[in-house]
Amino acid sequence: MSLLQQIKLVNEPYLRNEIGNNQEYPVLLAVDEINAFYTDSKYFDVDDTLLEANRLSLPRTILEYFSGKKDFTYGAVIGALSQTFKPFISKPLEIALGLTEASPWKPVSRTILQYTTGLQNFDVKGYSKDEAKAVIDYYYEMSILP
């Protein structure tokens, strides 16, 4: 199955509803670089203005789970921020997480802010050498690494 087919499958409403209503298996929705969903997309509206990512179906659905507008019957969400790709740095998200102060001179998108409700920030420390070795050893034992 191609990546495009996989994306289309995840974007099907029945699958999204099934994931949210599932009561048999725990669901973890983990998104790396979640801050990309709190910025403008690369798509334009009819006025030639960049669309915010929340105007697109799949990002909006993910943001609804992160903000608590939708919830899993049996699951959780976790996202990781990244500062490596400058266009994905989201000031509204950083403000909501207490990572930066709001500027009185620069307006913040209220539509993006509505998807930050209930988010919590916590630091994940890097592995120590012993922890990293233990993880690699485990991967070898489980045949995850050759």
C-alpha atoms as a PDB file:
ATOM      1  CA  MET A   1       0.000   0.000   0.000  1.00  0.00           C
ATOM      2  CA  SER A   2       1.431   3.388  -0.993  1.00  0.00           C
ATOM      3  CA  LEU A   3       1.830   6.265   1.454  1.00  0.00           C
ATOM      4  CA  LEU A   4      -0.960   8.151  -0.309  1.00  0.00           C
ATOM      5  CA  GLN A   5      -3.306   5.161   0.089  1.00  0.00           C
ATOM      6  CA  GLN A   6      -2.376   4.925   3.784  1.00  0.00           C
ATOM      7  CA  ILE A   7      -3.120   8.638   4.297  1.00  0.00           C
ATOM      8  CA  LYS A   8      -6.459   8.281   2.502  1.00  0.00           C
ATOM      9  CA  LEU A   9      -7.328   5.293   4.691  1.00  0.00           C
ATOM     10  CA  VAL A  10      -6.548   7.176   7.923  1.00  0.00           C
ATOM     11  CA  ASN A  11      -8.554  10.148   6.673  1.00  0.00           C
ATOM     12  CA  GLU A  12     -11.722   8.104   6.097  1.00  0.00           C
ATOM     13  CA  PRO A  13     -14.431   9.281   8.529  1.00  0.00           C
ATOM     14  CA  TYR A  14     -15.468   5.747   9.469  1.00  0.00           C
ATOM     15  CA  LEU A  15     -11.895   4.896  10.477  1.00  0.00           C
ATOM     16  CA  ARG A  16     -11.510   8.104  12.495  1.00  0.00           C
ATOM     17  CA  ASN A  17     -14.799   7.412  14.279  1.00  0.00           C
ATOM     18  CA  GLU A  18     -13.850   3.784  14.885  1.00  0.00           C
ATOM     19  CA  ILE A  19     -10.564   4.803  16.500  1.00  0.00           C
ATOM     20  CA  GLY A  20     -12.338   7.243  18.811  1.00  0.00           C
ATOM     21  CA  ASN A  21     -15.127   4.840  19.769  1.00  0.00           C
ATOM     22  CA  ASN A  22     -12.940   1.775  20.202  1.00  0.00           C
ATOM     23  CA  GLN A  23     -13.437   0.141  23.608  1.00  0.00           C
ATOM     24  CA  GLU A  24     -11.496  -3.063  23.087  1.00  0.00           C
ATOM     25  CA  TYR A  25      -7.912  -1.955  22.406  1.00  0.00           C
ATOM     26  CA  PRO A  26      -6.023   0.999  23.874  1.00  0.00           C
ATOM     27  CA  VAL A  27      -5.137   3.658  21.313  1.00  0.00           C
ATOM     28  CA  LEU A  28      -2.133   5.956  21.545  1.00  0.00           C
ATOM     29  CA  LEU A  29      -2.087   8.817  19.067  1.00  0.00           C
ATOM     30  CA  ALA A  30       1.539   9.977  19.000  1.00  0.00           C
ATOM     31  CA  VAL A  31       2.532  12.851  16.724  1.00  0.00           C
ATOM     32  CA  ASP A  32       6.090  14.040  16.211  1.00  0.00           C
ATOM     33  CA  GLU A  33       6.492  17.727  15.346  1.00  0.00           C
ATOM     34  CA  ILE A  34       2.919  18.397  16.498  1.00  0.00           C
ATOM     35  CA  ASN A  35       3.738  22.106  16.263  1.00  0.00           C
ATOM     36  CA  ALA A  36       3.376  21.805  12.459  1.00  0.00           C
ATOM     37  CA  PHE A  37      -0.387  21.410  12.966  1.00  0.00           C
ATOM     38  CA  TYR A  38      -0.478  24.737  14.830  1.00  0.00           C
ATOM     39  CA  THR A  39       0.910  26.730  11.881  1.00  0.00           C
ATOM     40  CA  ASP A  40      -0.109  27.653   8.353  1.00  0.00           C
ATOM     41  CA  SER A  41      -0.282  24.860   5.808  1.00  0.00           C
ATOM     42  CA  LYS A  42       1.190  25.083   2.316  1.00  0.00           C
ATOM     43  CA  TYR A  43      -2.313  25.350   0.831  1.00  0.00           C
ATOM     44  CA  PHE A  44      -4.046  28.563  -0.215  1.00  0.00           C
ATOM     45  CA  ASP A  45      -7.700  29.559  -0.018  1.00  0.00           C
ATOM     46  CA  VAL A  46      -9.564  31.331  -2.832  1.00  0.00           C
ATOM     47  CA  ASP A  47      -8.213  34.698  -1.623  1.00  0.00           C
ATOM     48  CA  ASP A  48      -4.626  33.441  -2.085  1.00  0.00           C
ATOM     49  CA  THR A  49      -4.088  33.378   1.685  1.00  0.00           C
ATOM     50  CA  LEU A  50      -2.307  30.481   3.355  1.00  0.00           C
ATOM     51  CA  LEU A  51      -4.724  28.171   5.133  1.00  0.00           C
ATOM     52  CA  GLU A  52      -4.064  27.313   8.761  1.00  0.00           C
ATOM     53  CA  ALA A  53      -3.466  23.580   9.147  1.00  0.00           C
ATOM     54  CA  ASN A  54      -6.642  23.275  11.230  1.00  0.00           C
ATOM     55  CA  ARG A  55      -8.664  24.027   8.095  1.00  0.00           C
ATOM     56  CA  LEU A  56      -7.569  20.675   6.624  1.00  0.00           C
ATOM     57  CA  SER A  57      -9.487  17.547   7.597  1.00  0.00           C
ATOM     58  CA  LEU A  58      -6.786  15.253   8.986  1.00  0.00           C
ATOM     59  CA  PRO A  59      -4.824  17.906  10.915  1.00  0.00           C
ATOM     60  CA  ARG A  60      -8.102  19.271  12.349  1.00  0.00           C
ATOM     61  CA  THR A  61      -9.131  15.801  13.519  1.00  0.00           C
ATOM     62  CA  ILE A  62      -5.775  15.309  15.239  1.00  0.00           C
ATOM     63  CA  LEU A  63      -5.994  18.784  16.810  1.00  0.00           C
ATOM     64  CA  GLU A  64      -9.505  17.979  18.062  1.00  0.00           C
ATOM     65  CA  TYR A  65      -8.106  14.955  19.912  1.00  0.00           C
ATOM     66  CA  PHE A  66      -5.226  16.995  21.329  1.00  0.00           C
ATOM     67  CA  SER A  67      -7.496  19.816  22.521  1.00  0.00           C
ATOM     68  CA  GLY A  68     -10.119  17.506  24.013  1.00  0.00           C
ATOM     69  CA  LYS A  69     -12.860  18.450  21.537  1.00  0.00           C
ATOM     70  CA  LYS A  70     -12.837  14.739  20.680  1.00  0.00           C
ATOM     71  CA  ASP A  71     -11.667  12.021  22.971  1.00  0.00           C
ATOM     72  CA  PHE A  72     -10.807   8.386  22.896  1.00  0.00           C
ATOM     73  CA  THR A  73     -13.034   6.022  24.761  1.00  0.00           C
ATOM     74  CA  TYR A  74      -9.911   4.020  25.527  1.00  0.00           C
ATOM     75  CA  GLY A  75      -6.746   5.904  24.674  1.00  0.00           C
ATOM     76  CA  ALA A  76      -4.497   8.929  24.926  1.00  0.00           C
ATOM     77  CA  VAL A  77      -2.567  11.461  22.860  1.00  0.00           C
ATOM     78  CA  ILE A  78       1.018  12.667  23.076  1.00  0.00           C
ATOM     79  CA  GLY A  79       2.912  15.055  20.851  1.00  0.00           C
ATOM     80  CA  ALA A  80       6.517  16.113  20.531  1.00  0.00           C
ATOM     81  CA  LEU A  81       7.642  19.596  19.607  1.00  0.00           C
ATOM     82  CA  SER A  82      10.520  20.262  17.286  1.00  0.00           C
ATOM     83  CA  GLN A  83      12.469  23.452  16.740  1.00  0.00           C
ATOM     84  CA  THR A  84      14.497  22.167  13.793  1.00  0.00           C
ATOM     85  CA  PHE A  85      12.259  23.313  10.912  1.00  0.00           C
ATOM     86  CA  LYS A  86      11.595  27.032  11.271  1.00  0.00           C
ATOM     87  CA  PRO A  87       8.291  27.184   9.298  1.00  0.00           C
ATOM     88  CA  PHE A  88       6.764  24.724  11.800  1.00  0.00           C
ATOM     89  CA  ILE A  89       7.613  26.776  14.877  1.00  0.00           C
ATOM     90  CA  SER A  90       4.259  27.810  16.336  1.00  0.00           C
ATOM     91  CA  LYS A  91       4.159  30.887  18.571  1.00  0.00           C
ATOM     92  CA  PRO A  92       0.533  30.246  19.646  1.00  0.00           C
ATOM     93  CA  LEU A  93       1.451  26.727  20.772  1.00  0.00           C
ATOM     94  CA  GLU A  94       4.585  27.932  22.570  1.00  0.00           C
ATOM     95  CA  ILE A  95       2.528  30.615  24.344  1.00  0.00           C
ATOM     96  CA  ALA A  96      -0.122  28.072  25.365  1.00  0.00           C
ATOM     97  CA  LEU A  97       2.548  25.741  26.754  1.00  0.00           C
ATOM     98  CA  GLY A  98       4.236  28.557  28.672  1.00  0.00           C
ATOM     99  CA  LEU A  99       7.430  28.350  26.627  1.00  0.00           C
ATOM    100  CA  THR A 100       7.318  31.993  25.514  1.00  0.00           C
ATOM    101  CA  GLU A 101       5.433  35.203  26.301  1.00  0.00           C
ATOM    102  CA  ALA A 102       2.745  36.689  24.087  1.00  0.00           C
ATOM    103  CA  SER A 103       3.720  39.912  22.356  1.00  0.00           C
ATOM    104  CA  PRO A 104       1.344  42.848  22.835  1.00  0.00           C
ATOM    105  CA  TRP A 105       2.227  43.992  19.291  1.00  0.00           C
ATOM    106  CA  LYS A 106       1.821  40.723  17.408  1.00  0.00           C
ATOM    107  CA  PRO A 107      -1.638  39.159  17.241  1.00  0.00           C
ATOM    108  CA  VAL A 108      -1.984  35.418  17.823  1.00  0.00           C
ATOM    109  CA  SER A 109      -4.420  33.332  15.790  1.00  0.00           C
ATOM    110  CA  ARG A 110      -7.508  32.693  17.911  1.00  0.00           C
ATOM    111  CA  THR A 111      -8.494  29.748  15.707  1.00  0.00           C
ATOM    112  CA  ILE A 112      -5.187  28.039  16.441  1.00  0.00           C
ATOM    113  CA  LEU A 113      -5.394  28.924  20.146  1.00  0.00           C
ATOM    114  CA  GLN A 114      -8.720  27.114  20.498  1.00  0.00           C
ATOM    115  CA  TYR A 115      -6.876  23.851  19.802  1.00  0.00           C
ATOM    116  CA  THR A 116      -4.422  24.411  22.675  1.00  0.00           C
ATOM    117  CA  THR A 117      -6.975  23.957  25.453  1.00  0.00           C
ATOM    118  CA  GLY A 118      -5.874  21.419  28.028  1.00  0.00           C
ATOM    119  CA  LEU A 119      -2.381  20.866  26.622  1.00  0.00           C
ATOM    120  CA  GLN A 120       0.368  20.271  29.159  1.00  0.00           C
ATOM    121  CA  ASN A 121       4.085  20.703  28.713  1.00  0.00           C
ATOM    122  CA  PHE A 122       6.610  18.317  30.203  1.00  0.00           C
ATOM    123  CA  ASP A 123      10.298  17.889  29.563  1.00  0.00           C
ATOM    124  CA  VAL A 124      11.757  14.602  28.414  1.00  0.00           C
ATOM    125  CA  LYS A 125      15.394  14.358  29.341  1.00  0.00           C
ATOM    126  CA  GLY A 126      17.920  12.720  27.028  1.00  0.00           C
ATOM    127  CA  TYR A 127      19.145   9.211  27.736  1.00  0.00           C
ATOM    128  CA  SER A 128      22.213   8.684  29.873  1.00  0.00           C
ATOM    129  CA  LYS A 129      24.852   6.396  28.358  1.00  0.00           C
ATOM    130  CA  ASP A 130      23.620   3.500  30.524  1.00  0.00           C
ATOM    131  CA  GLU A 131      19.997   4.052  29.495  1.00  0.00           C
ATOM    132  CA  ALA A 132      20.923   4.256  25.816  1.00  0.00           C
ATOM    133  CA  LYS A 133      22.947   1.042  26.096  1.00  0.00           C
ATOM    134  CA  ALA A 134      20.022  -0.714  27.823  1.00  0.00           C
ATOM    135  CA  VAL A 135      17.649   0.328  25.019  1.00  0.00           C
ATOM    136  CA  ILE A 136      20.041  -0.850  22.291  1.00  0.00           C
ATOM    137  CA  ASP A 137      20.591  -4.141  24.138  1.00  0.00           C
ATOM    138  CA  TYR A 138      16.824  -4.622  24.375  1.00  0.00           C
ATOM    139  CA  TYR A 139      16.426  -3.939  20.638  1.00  0.00           C
ATOM    140  CA  TYR A 140      19.057  -6.590  19.886  1.00  0.00           C
ATOM    141  CA  GLU A 141      17.361  -9.102  22.218  1.00  0.00           C
ATOM    142  CA  MET A 142      13.992  -8.529  20.538  1.00  0.00           C
ATOM    143  CA  SER A 143      15.583  -8.743  17.059  1.00  0.00           C
ATOM    144  CA  ILE A 144      14.503  -5.200  16.284  1.00  0.00           C
ATOM    145  CA  LEU A 145      18.096  -4.419  15.308  1.00  0.00           C
ATOM    146  CA  PRO A 146      20.130  -6.908  13.269  1.00  0.00           C
END
